[in-house]
Amino acid sequence: MIRICLKAMAGLTLFCFIVAASICDQPRAVGIEPEPDATLKDLQNLDELRALFNKEKDSPRLILLLSPT
């Protein structure tokens, strides 16, 4: 009984790996490239961040706050 369960679990695990590998192998977002003028800006104060954030109201925006601690 235990051997049957172990074989079933091994087969299920192998099946999951095969499915995951086939999904990960497919290309995603074909033809989409980042804009060539995209740059990383070092902001000095909050007003500069607010101005840049409000400048492009029609496009999606994301703010990442990273801290070394």
C-alpha atoms as a PDB file:
ATOM      1  CA  MET A   1       0.000   0.000   0.000  1.00  0.00           C
ATOM      2  CA  ILE A   2       2.790   2.435   0.897  1.00  0.00           C
ATOM      3  CA  ARG A   3       4.689   1.603  -2.300  1.00  0.00           C
ATOM      4  CA  ILE A   4       1.602   2.357  -4.394  1.00  0.00           C
ATOM      5  CA  CYS A   5       1.193   5.731  -2.666  1.00  0.00           C
ATOM      6  CA  LEU A   6       4.874   6.549  -3.162  1.00  0.00           C
ATOM      7  CA  LYS A   7       4.701   5.622  -6.855  1.00  0.00           C
ATOM      8  CA  ALA A   8       1.561   7.730  -7.280  1.00  0.00           C
ATOM      9  CA  MET A   9       3.219  10.692  -5.561  1.00  0.00           C
ATOM     10  CA  ALA A  10       6.357  10.298  -7.696  1.00  0.00           C
ATOM     11  CA  GLY A  11       4.250  10.173 -10.858  1.00  0.00           C
ATOM     12  CA  LEU A  12       2.261  13.236  -9.819  1.00  0.00           C
ATOM     13  CA  THR A  13       5.450  15.131  -8.987  1.00  0.00           C
ATOM     14  CA  LEU A  14       6.952  14.230 -12.362  1.00  0.00           C
ATOM     15  CA  PHE A  15       3.765  15.321 -14.109  1.00  0.00           C
ATOM     16  CA  CYS A  16       3.838  18.685 -12.282  1.00  0.00           C
ATOM     17  CA  PHE A  17       7.478  19.245 -13.286  1.00  0.00           C
ATOM     18  CA  ILE A  18       6.696  18.473 -16.927  1.00  0.00           C
ATOM     19  CA  VAL A  19       3.717  20.847 -16.946  1.00  0.00           C
ATOM     20  CA  ALA A  20       5.735  23.602 -15.239  1.00  0.00           C
ATOM     21  CA  ALA A  21       8.617  23.159 -17.684  1.00  0.00           C
ATOM     22  CA  SER A  22       6.307  23.361 -20.694  1.00  0.00           C
ATOM     23  CA  ILE A  23       4.635  26.509 -19.361  1.00  0.00           C
ATOM     24  CA  CYS A  24       7.950  28.224 -18.537  1.00  0.00           C
ATOM     25  CA  ASP A  25       9.375  27.380 -21.966  1.00  0.00           C
ATOM     26  CA  GLN A  26       6.779  29.466 -23.823  1.00  0.00           C
ATOM     27  CA  PRO A  27       7.780  33.039 -24.762  1.00  0.00           C
ATOM     28  CA  ARG A  28       5.927  35.815 -23.007  1.00  0.00           C
ATOM     29  CA  ALA A  29       5.090  39.327 -24.208  1.00  0.00           C
ATOM     30  CA  VAL A  30       6.532  38.868 -27.682  1.00  0.00           C
ATOM     31  CA  GLY A  31       7.341  42.155 -29.394  1.00  0.00           C
ATOM     32  CA  ILE A  32       7.164  44.315 -26.272  1.00  0.00           C
ATOM     33  CA  GLU A  33      10.381  46.186 -25.616  1.00  0.00           C
ATOM     34  CA  PRO A  34      11.114  48.846 -23.010  1.00  0.00           C
ATOM     35  CA  GLU A  35      11.193  52.424 -24.177  1.00  0.00           C
ATOM     36  CA  PRO A  36      14.733  53.475 -25.125  1.00  0.00           C
ATOM     37  CA  ASP A  37      14.440  56.748 -23.199  1.00  0.00           C
ATOM     38  CA  ALA A  38      13.549  55.100 -19.881  1.00  0.00           C
ATOM     39  CA  THR A  39      16.013  56.235 -17.219  1.00  0.00           C
ATOM     40  CA  LEU A  40      16.536  55.830 -13.507  1.00  0.00           C
ATOM     41  CA  LYS A  41      16.348  59.149 -11.670  1.00  0.00           C
ATOM     42  CA  ASP A  42      18.006  59.963  -8.364  1.00  0.00           C
ATOM     43  CA  LEU A  43      15.496  62.191  -6.621  1.00  0.00           C
ATOM     44  CA  GLN A  44      16.725  64.684  -4.064  1.00  0.00           C
ATOM     45  CA  ASN A  45      13.455  65.633  -2.355  1.00  0.00           C
ATOM     46  CA  LEU A  46       9.758  64.804  -2.130  1.00  0.00           C
ATOM     47  CA  ASP A  47       8.656  67.747  -4.290  1.00  0.00           C
ATOM     48  CA  GLU A  48      10.665  66.395  -7.234  1.00  0.00           C
ATOM     49  CA  LEU A  49       9.008  62.990  -6.798  1.00  0.00           C
ATOM     50  CA  ARG A  50       5.551  64.578  -6.612  1.00  0.00           C
ATOM     51  CA  ALA A  51       6.154  66.626  -9.792  1.00  0.00           C
ATOM     52  CA  LEU A  52       7.364  63.608 -11.780  1.00  0.00           C
ATOM     53  CA  PHE A  53       4.514  61.447 -10.481  1.00  0.00           C
ATOM     54  CA  ASN A  54       1.837  63.982 -11.418  1.00  0.00           C
ATOM     55  CA  LYS A  55       3.436  64.758 -14.804  1.00  0.00           C
ATOM     56  CA  GLU A  56       2.186  61.571 -16.535  1.00  0.00           C
ATOM     57  CA  LYS A  57      -1.360  61.027 -15.299  1.00  0.00           C
ATOM     58  CA  ASP A  58      -2.406  58.815 -18.238  1.00  0.00           C
ATOM     59  CA  SER A  59       0.289  56.168 -17.818  1.00  0.00           C
ATOM     60  CA  PRO A  60       0.663  53.541 -15.082  1.00  0.00           C
ATOM     61  CA  ARG A  61       3.128  54.534 -12.368  1.00  0.00           C
ATOM     62  CA  LEU A  62       4.973  52.562  -9.720  1.00  0.00           C
ATOM     63  CA  ILE A  63       6.992  53.844  -6.765  1.00  0.00           C
ATOM     64  CA  LEU A  64       9.474  51.535  -5.056  1.00  0.00           C
ATOM     65  CA  LEU A  65      10.851  52.529  -1.679  1.00  0.00           C
ATOM     66  CA  LEU A  66      13.963  50.495  -0.915  1.00  0.00           C
ATOM     67  CA  SER A  67      15.833  50.582   2.354  1.00  0.00           C
ATOM     68  CA  PRO A  68      19.109  48.839   3.216  1.00  0.00           C
ATOM     69  CA  THR A  69      17.829  47.942   6.698  1.00  0.00           C
END
